[in-house]
N, C-alpha and C. Protein backbone atom coordinates (compact mmCIF):
# COMPACT_ATOMS: atom_id res chain seq x y z
N MET A 1 0.84 -1.18 0.00
CA MET A 1 0.00 0.00 0.00
C MET A 1 0.88 1.24 0.00
N GLY A 2 0.45 2.29 -0.67
CA GLY A 2 1.23 3.51 -0.76
C GLY A 2 1.08 4.37 0.49
N ILE A 3 1.38 5.63 0.34
CA ILE A 3 1.28 6.57 1.46
C ILE A 3 -0.19 6.80 1.79
N PHE A 4 -0.49 6.79 3.09
CA PHE A 4 -1.86 6.99 3.56
C PHE A 4 -1.83 8.09 4.61
N VAL A 5 -2.41 9.23 4.31
CA VAL A 5 -2.29 10.42 5.16
C VAL A 5 -3.65 10.87 5.66
N GLY A 6 -3.68 11.34 6.89
CA GLY A 6 -4.86 12.04 7.39
C GLY A 6 -5.92 11.18 8.03
N ARG A 7 -5.68 9.95 8.29
CA ARG A 7 -6.69 9.09 8.90
C ARG A 7 -6.18 8.41 10.17
N GLU A 8 -5.30 9.11 10.89
CA GLU A 8 -4.70 8.52 12.08
C GLU A 8 -5.75 8.11 13.10
N ALA A 9 -6.74 8.96 13.34
CA ALA A 9 -7.78 8.65 14.33
C ALA A 9 -8.56 7.39 13.93
N GLN A 10 -8.95 7.33 12.66
CA GLN A 10 -9.70 6.16 12.18
C GLN A 10 -8.83 4.90 12.23
N LEU A 11 -7.57 5.01 11.81
CA LEU A 11 -6.67 3.86 11.87
C LEU A 11 -6.44 3.41 13.31
N GLY A 12 -6.39 4.36 14.24
CA GLY A 12 -6.26 4.02 15.65
C GLY A 12 -7.44 3.24 16.16
N ARG A 13 -8.64 3.66 15.76
CA ARG A 13 -9.85 2.93 16.14
C ARG A 13 -9.86 1.53 15.57
N ILE A 14 -9.42 1.41 14.33
CA ILE A 14 -9.36 0.10 13.68
C ILE A 14 -8.34 -0.78 14.39
N ALA A 15 -7.20 -0.21 14.75
CA ALA A 15 -6.18 -0.98 15.48
C ALA A 15 -6.72 -1.46 16.82
N GLU A 16 -7.50 -0.62 17.51
CA GLU A 16 -8.13 -1.05 18.77
C GLU A 16 -9.09 -2.21 18.54
N ALA A 17 -9.86 -2.13 17.46
CA ALA A 17 -10.81 -3.20 17.15
C ALA A 17 -10.06 -4.50 16.85
N ILE A 18 -8.95 -4.41 16.15
CA ILE A 18 -8.15 -5.60 15.85
C ILE A 18 -7.56 -6.17 17.14
N ASP A 19 -7.08 -5.31 18.02
CA ASP A 19 -6.57 -5.76 19.32
C ASP A 19 -7.67 -6.48 20.11
N ASP A 20 -8.86 -5.91 20.14
CA ASP A 20 -9.98 -6.54 20.84
C ASP A 20 -10.30 -7.90 20.23
N ALA A 21 -10.33 -7.98 18.92
CA ALA A 21 -10.62 -9.25 18.26
C ALA A 21 -9.55 -10.29 18.60
N ALA A 22 -8.30 -9.87 18.64
CA ALA A 22 -7.21 -10.78 18.99
C ALA A 22 -7.35 -11.29 20.42
N ALA A 23 -7.99 -10.49 21.28
CA ALA A 23 -8.21 -10.87 22.67
C ALA A 23 -9.53 -11.61 22.86
N GLY A 24 -10.24 -11.90 21.76
CA GLY A 24 -11.49 -12.65 21.85
C GLY A 24 -12.73 -11.81 22.04
N ARG A 25 -12.61 -10.51 21.90
CA ARG A 25 -13.76 -9.61 22.02
C ARG A 25 -14.12 -9.11 20.63
N GLY A 26 -15.22 -9.58 20.10
CA GLY A 26 -15.63 -9.21 18.74
C GLY A 26 -15.94 -7.73 18.63
N ARG A 27 -15.70 -7.19 17.46
CA ARG A 27 -15.99 -5.79 17.17
C ARG A 27 -16.48 -5.69 15.74
N LEU A 28 -17.23 -4.66 15.48
CA LEU A 28 -17.69 -4.34 14.13
C LEU A 28 -17.28 -2.91 13.84
N VAL A 29 -16.64 -2.71 12.69
CA VAL A 29 -16.24 -1.38 12.27
C VAL A 29 -16.97 -1.09 10.96
N LEU A 30 -17.72 -0.01 10.93
CA LEU A 30 -18.42 0.40 9.71
C LEU A 30 -17.74 1.64 9.16
N VAL A 31 -17.62 1.69 7.85
CA VAL A 31 -17.03 2.83 7.17
C VAL A 31 -18.11 3.40 6.26
N ALA A 32 -18.41 4.67 6.43
CA ALA A 32 -19.46 5.31 5.64
C ALA A 32 -19.02 6.71 5.25
N GLY A 33 -19.63 7.24 4.21
CA GLY A 33 -19.33 8.61 3.81
C GLY A 33 -19.60 8.84 2.34
N GLU A 34 -19.40 10.05 1.96
CA GLU A 34 -19.64 10.47 0.57
C GLU A 34 -18.64 9.81 -0.37
N PRO A 35 -19.01 9.69 -1.65
CA PRO A 35 -18.07 9.12 -2.63
C PRO A 35 -16.79 9.95 -2.71
N GLY A 36 -15.67 9.25 -2.81
CA GLY A 36 -14.41 9.91 -3.05
C GLY A 36 -13.66 10.39 -1.82
N ILE A 37 -14.13 10.06 -0.61
CA ILE A 37 -13.45 10.57 0.59
C ILE A 37 -12.41 9.60 1.13
N GLY A 38 -12.26 8.45 0.47
CA GLY A 38 -11.21 7.52 0.89
C GLY A 38 -11.69 6.32 1.68
N LYS A 39 -12.96 5.97 1.57
CA LYS A 39 -13.47 4.80 2.29
C LYS A 39 -12.75 3.53 1.88
N THR A 40 -12.56 3.33 0.59
CA THR A 40 -11.90 2.11 0.11
C THR A 40 -10.44 2.09 0.56
N SER A 41 -9.77 3.22 0.52
CA SER A 41 -8.38 3.27 0.99
C SER A 41 -8.30 2.94 2.47
N LEU A 42 -9.24 3.45 3.26
CA LEU A 42 -9.27 3.14 4.68
C LEU A 42 -9.53 1.66 4.90
N ALA A 43 -10.47 1.10 4.15
CA ALA A 43 -10.76 -0.34 4.27
C ALA A 43 -9.56 -1.17 3.83
N ASP A 44 -8.85 -0.73 2.80
CA ASP A 44 -7.61 -1.42 2.39
C ASP A 44 -6.59 -1.42 3.52
N ALA A 45 -6.43 -0.27 4.18
CA ALA A 45 -5.48 -0.17 5.29
C ALA A 45 -5.91 -1.06 6.45
N ALA A 46 -7.21 -1.13 6.71
CA ALA A 46 -7.73 -1.99 7.77
C ALA A 46 -7.48 -3.46 7.43
N THR A 47 -7.70 -3.82 6.18
CA THR A 47 -7.45 -5.19 5.73
C THR A 47 -5.98 -5.55 5.90
N ALA A 48 -5.10 -4.65 5.51
CA ALA A 48 -3.66 -4.90 5.63
C ALA A 48 -3.27 -5.06 7.10
N ALA A 49 -3.83 -4.23 7.97
CA ALA A 49 -3.50 -4.32 9.40
C ALA A 49 -4.01 -5.64 9.99
N ALA A 50 -5.20 -6.04 9.61
CA ALA A 50 -5.76 -7.29 10.14
C ALA A 50 -5.01 -8.51 9.62
N THR A 51 -4.71 -8.54 8.34
CA THR A 51 -4.00 -9.70 7.79
C THR A 51 -2.57 -9.77 8.33
N ALA A 52 -1.97 -8.62 8.62
CA ALA A 52 -0.64 -8.62 9.22
C ALA A 52 -0.65 -9.26 10.61
N ARG A 53 -1.81 -9.22 11.26
CA ARG A 53 -1.96 -9.84 12.58
C ARG A 53 -2.43 -11.29 12.49
N GLY A 54 -2.60 -11.79 11.26
CA GLY A 54 -2.98 -13.19 11.08
C GLY A 54 -4.47 -13.44 10.90
N PHE A 55 -5.26 -12.39 10.78
CA PHE A 55 -6.69 -12.54 10.56
C PHE A 55 -6.99 -12.75 9.08
N VAL A 56 -8.11 -13.35 8.81
CA VAL A 56 -8.65 -13.42 7.45
C VAL A 56 -9.61 -12.26 7.32
N ALA A 57 -9.42 -11.45 6.31
CA ALA A 57 -10.29 -10.29 6.08
C ALA A 57 -11.14 -10.54 4.84
N LEU A 58 -12.44 -10.37 4.99
CA LEU A 58 -13.37 -10.57 3.88
C LEU A 58 -14.14 -9.29 3.63
N TRP A 59 -14.48 -9.06 2.39
CA TRP A 59 -15.17 -7.83 2.00
C TRP A 59 -16.57 -8.13 1.51
N GLY A 60 -17.48 -7.23 1.82
CA GLY A 60 -18.81 -7.20 1.21
C GLY A 60 -19.00 -5.81 0.64
N ARG A 61 -19.48 -5.74 -0.56
CA ARG A 61 -19.64 -4.43 -1.21
C ARG A 61 -21.10 -4.16 -1.49
N CYS A 62 -21.47 -2.90 -1.37
CA CYS A 62 -22.84 -2.50 -1.68
C CYS A 62 -23.00 -2.39 -3.19
N TRP A 63 -24.19 -2.59 -3.64
CA TRP A 63 -24.54 -2.51 -5.04
C TRP A 63 -24.96 -1.09 -5.35
N GLU A 64 -24.24 -0.42 -6.25
CA GLU A 64 -24.51 0.98 -6.54
C GLU A 64 -25.84 1.19 -7.26
N ALA A 65 -26.13 0.35 -8.24
CA ALA A 65 -27.40 0.47 -8.97
C ALA A 65 -28.50 -0.17 -8.13
N GLY A 66 -29.71 0.24 -8.29
CA GLY A 66 -30.81 -0.31 -7.51
C GLY A 66 -31.07 -1.77 -7.82
N GLY A 67 -31.90 -2.39 -7.00
CA GLY A 67 -32.34 -3.75 -7.26
C GLY A 67 -31.52 -4.85 -6.64
N ALA A 68 -30.57 -4.53 -5.80
CA ALA A 68 -29.77 -5.59 -5.15
C ALA A 68 -30.62 -6.29 -4.10
N PRO A 69 -30.36 -7.57 -3.89
CA PRO A 69 -31.10 -8.28 -2.83
C PRO A 69 -30.82 -7.67 -1.46
N ALA A 70 -31.73 -7.89 -0.54
CA ALA A 70 -31.53 -7.43 0.83
C ALA A 70 -30.26 -8.04 1.40
N TYR A 71 -29.55 -7.27 2.19
CA TYR A 71 -28.33 -7.71 2.88
C TYR A 71 -27.22 -8.14 1.91
N TRP A 72 -27.19 -7.58 0.74
CA TRP A 72 -26.23 -7.96 -0.29
C TRP A 72 -24.79 -8.03 0.21
N PRO A 73 -24.25 -6.99 0.90
CA PRO A 73 -22.85 -7.09 1.32
C PRO A 73 -22.61 -8.24 2.29
N TRP A 74 -23.57 -8.53 3.15
CA TRP A 74 -23.42 -9.63 4.10
C TRP A 74 -23.46 -10.97 3.40
N LEU A 75 -24.30 -11.09 2.39
CA LEU A 75 -24.35 -12.34 1.62
C LEU A 75 -23.01 -12.58 0.92
N ASP A 76 -22.40 -11.51 0.45
CA ASP A 76 -21.09 -11.61 -0.20
C ASP A 76 -20.04 -12.15 0.77
N VAL A 77 -20.03 -11.64 1.99
CA VAL A 77 -19.09 -12.09 3.01
C VAL A 77 -19.37 -13.55 3.40
N LEU A 78 -20.65 -13.88 3.62
CA LEU A 78 -20.99 -15.25 4.00
C LEU A 78 -20.63 -16.25 2.91
N ALA A 79 -20.80 -15.87 1.66
CA ALA A 79 -20.41 -16.75 0.55
C ALA A 79 -18.90 -16.99 0.58
N ALA A 80 -18.13 -15.95 0.88
CA ALA A 80 -16.68 -16.11 0.97
C ALA A 80 -16.30 -17.04 2.12
N VAL A 81 -17.00 -16.92 3.25
CA VAL A 81 -16.74 -17.82 4.38
C VAL A 81 -17.04 -19.25 3.96
N ALA A 82 -18.16 -19.46 3.27
CA ALA A 82 -18.54 -20.81 2.84
C ALA A 82 -17.47 -21.43 1.93
N ARG A 83 -16.81 -20.60 1.14
CA ARG A 83 -15.75 -21.12 0.26
C ARG A 83 -14.46 -21.41 1.01
N LEU A 84 -14.27 -20.80 2.18
CA LEU A 84 -13.03 -20.95 2.94
C LEU A 84 -13.00 -22.17 3.86
N VAL A 85 -14.15 -22.58 4.35
CA VAL A 85 -14.18 -23.67 5.34
C VAL A 85 -14.69 -24.95 4.70
N ASP A 86 -14.36 -26.07 5.31
CA ASP A 86 -14.83 -27.34 4.77
C ASP A 86 -16.32 -27.53 5.09
N ASP A 87 -16.95 -28.45 4.39
CA ASP A 87 -18.39 -28.65 4.50
C ASP A 87 -18.82 -29.00 5.92
N ARG A 88 -18.05 -29.83 6.59
CA ARG A 88 -18.40 -30.26 7.95
C ARG A 88 -18.38 -29.08 8.91
N ALA A 89 -17.34 -28.26 8.83
CA ALA A 89 -17.24 -27.08 9.71
C ALA A 89 -18.35 -26.08 9.41
N LEU A 90 -18.66 -25.92 8.13
CA LEU A 90 -19.74 -25.00 7.75
C LEU A 90 -21.07 -25.48 8.28
N ALA A 91 -21.36 -26.78 8.15
CA ALA A 91 -22.62 -27.34 8.66
C ALA A 91 -22.71 -27.18 10.17
N ALA A 92 -21.61 -27.39 10.86
CA ALA A 92 -21.61 -27.25 12.32
C ALA A 92 -21.86 -25.79 12.72
N ALA A 93 -21.25 -24.87 12.00
CA ALA A 93 -21.41 -23.45 12.33
C ALA A 93 -22.83 -22.96 12.05
N LEU A 94 -23.43 -23.45 10.98
CA LEU A 94 -24.77 -22.99 10.61
C LEU A 94 -25.86 -23.68 11.43
N GLY A 95 -25.59 -24.90 11.87
CA GLY A 95 -26.58 -25.62 12.68
C GLY A 95 -27.92 -25.72 11.98
N GLU A 96 -28.98 -25.42 12.73
CA GLU A 96 -30.34 -25.52 12.19
C GLU A 96 -30.62 -24.49 11.09
N GLY A 97 -29.78 -23.47 10.99
CA GLY A 97 -29.98 -22.44 9.96
C GLY A 97 -29.39 -22.81 8.61
N ALA A 98 -28.82 -24.01 8.50
CA ALA A 98 -28.18 -24.40 7.24
C ALA A 98 -29.14 -24.39 6.07
N GLY A 99 -30.36 -24.86 6.27
CA GLY A 99 -31.33 -24.89 5.18
C GLY A 99 -31.66 -23.50 4.66
N LEU A 100 -31.88 -22.59 5.58
CA LEU A 100 -32.18 -21.21 5.17
C LEU A 100 -30.97 -20.58 4.48
N ALA A 101 -29.79 -20.81 5.02
CA ALA A 101 -28.58 -20.27 4.39
C ALA A 101 -28.41 -20.83 2.99
N ALA A 102 -28.74 -22.10 2.79
CA ALA A 102 -28.63 -22.71 1.47
C ALA A 102 -29.59 -22.08 0.48
N GLU A 103 -30.74 -21.63 0.96
CA GLU A 103 -31.70 -20.95 0.07
C GLU A 103 -31.15 -19.62 -0.41
N LEU A 104 -30.35 -18.97 0.42
CA LEU A 104 -29.82 -17.64 0.10
C LEU A 104 -28.48 -17.68 -0.63
N LEU A 105 -27.70 -18.75 -0.36
CA LEU A 105 -26.33 -18.82 -0.86
C LEU A 105 -26.07 -20.12 -1.59
N PRO A 106 -25.85 -20.07 -2.87
CA PRO A 106 -25.52 -21.30 -3.61
C PRO A 106 -24.29 -22.00 -3.06
N GLU A 107 -23.33 -21.24 -2.50
CA GLU A 107 -22.12 -21.83 -1.94
C GLU A 107 -22.42 -22.77 -0.78
N VAL A 108 -23.49 -22.53 -0.07
CA VAL A 108 -23.87 -23.35 1.07
C VAL A 108 -24.59 -24.60 0.60
N ALA A 109 -25.39 -24.47 -0.43
CA ALA A 109 -26.14 -25.63 -0.94
C ALA A 109 -25.19 -26.70 -1.41
């Protein structure tokens, strides 16, 4: 990644979230804002920081044009998880929700 300037506060918050996750305390970090303000660059920096600590980082992207299914970015992330783990681990993690997940995600079926 190239030079990244002006987001020290946000990067600090992300680093805290990564530290918490490493200690077993889950966190969610949302990045929002107007087009062109550097959201993707910030997310790239967060991904680099997390992977440097040994985490797997997955992305979900919003659909710019209308008509995307509900929860589109989350479905994108869940599909990536389904591709990363073996079938037995996926079935165990989904439990009774496996059938519903299979209806939403071809990767689960």
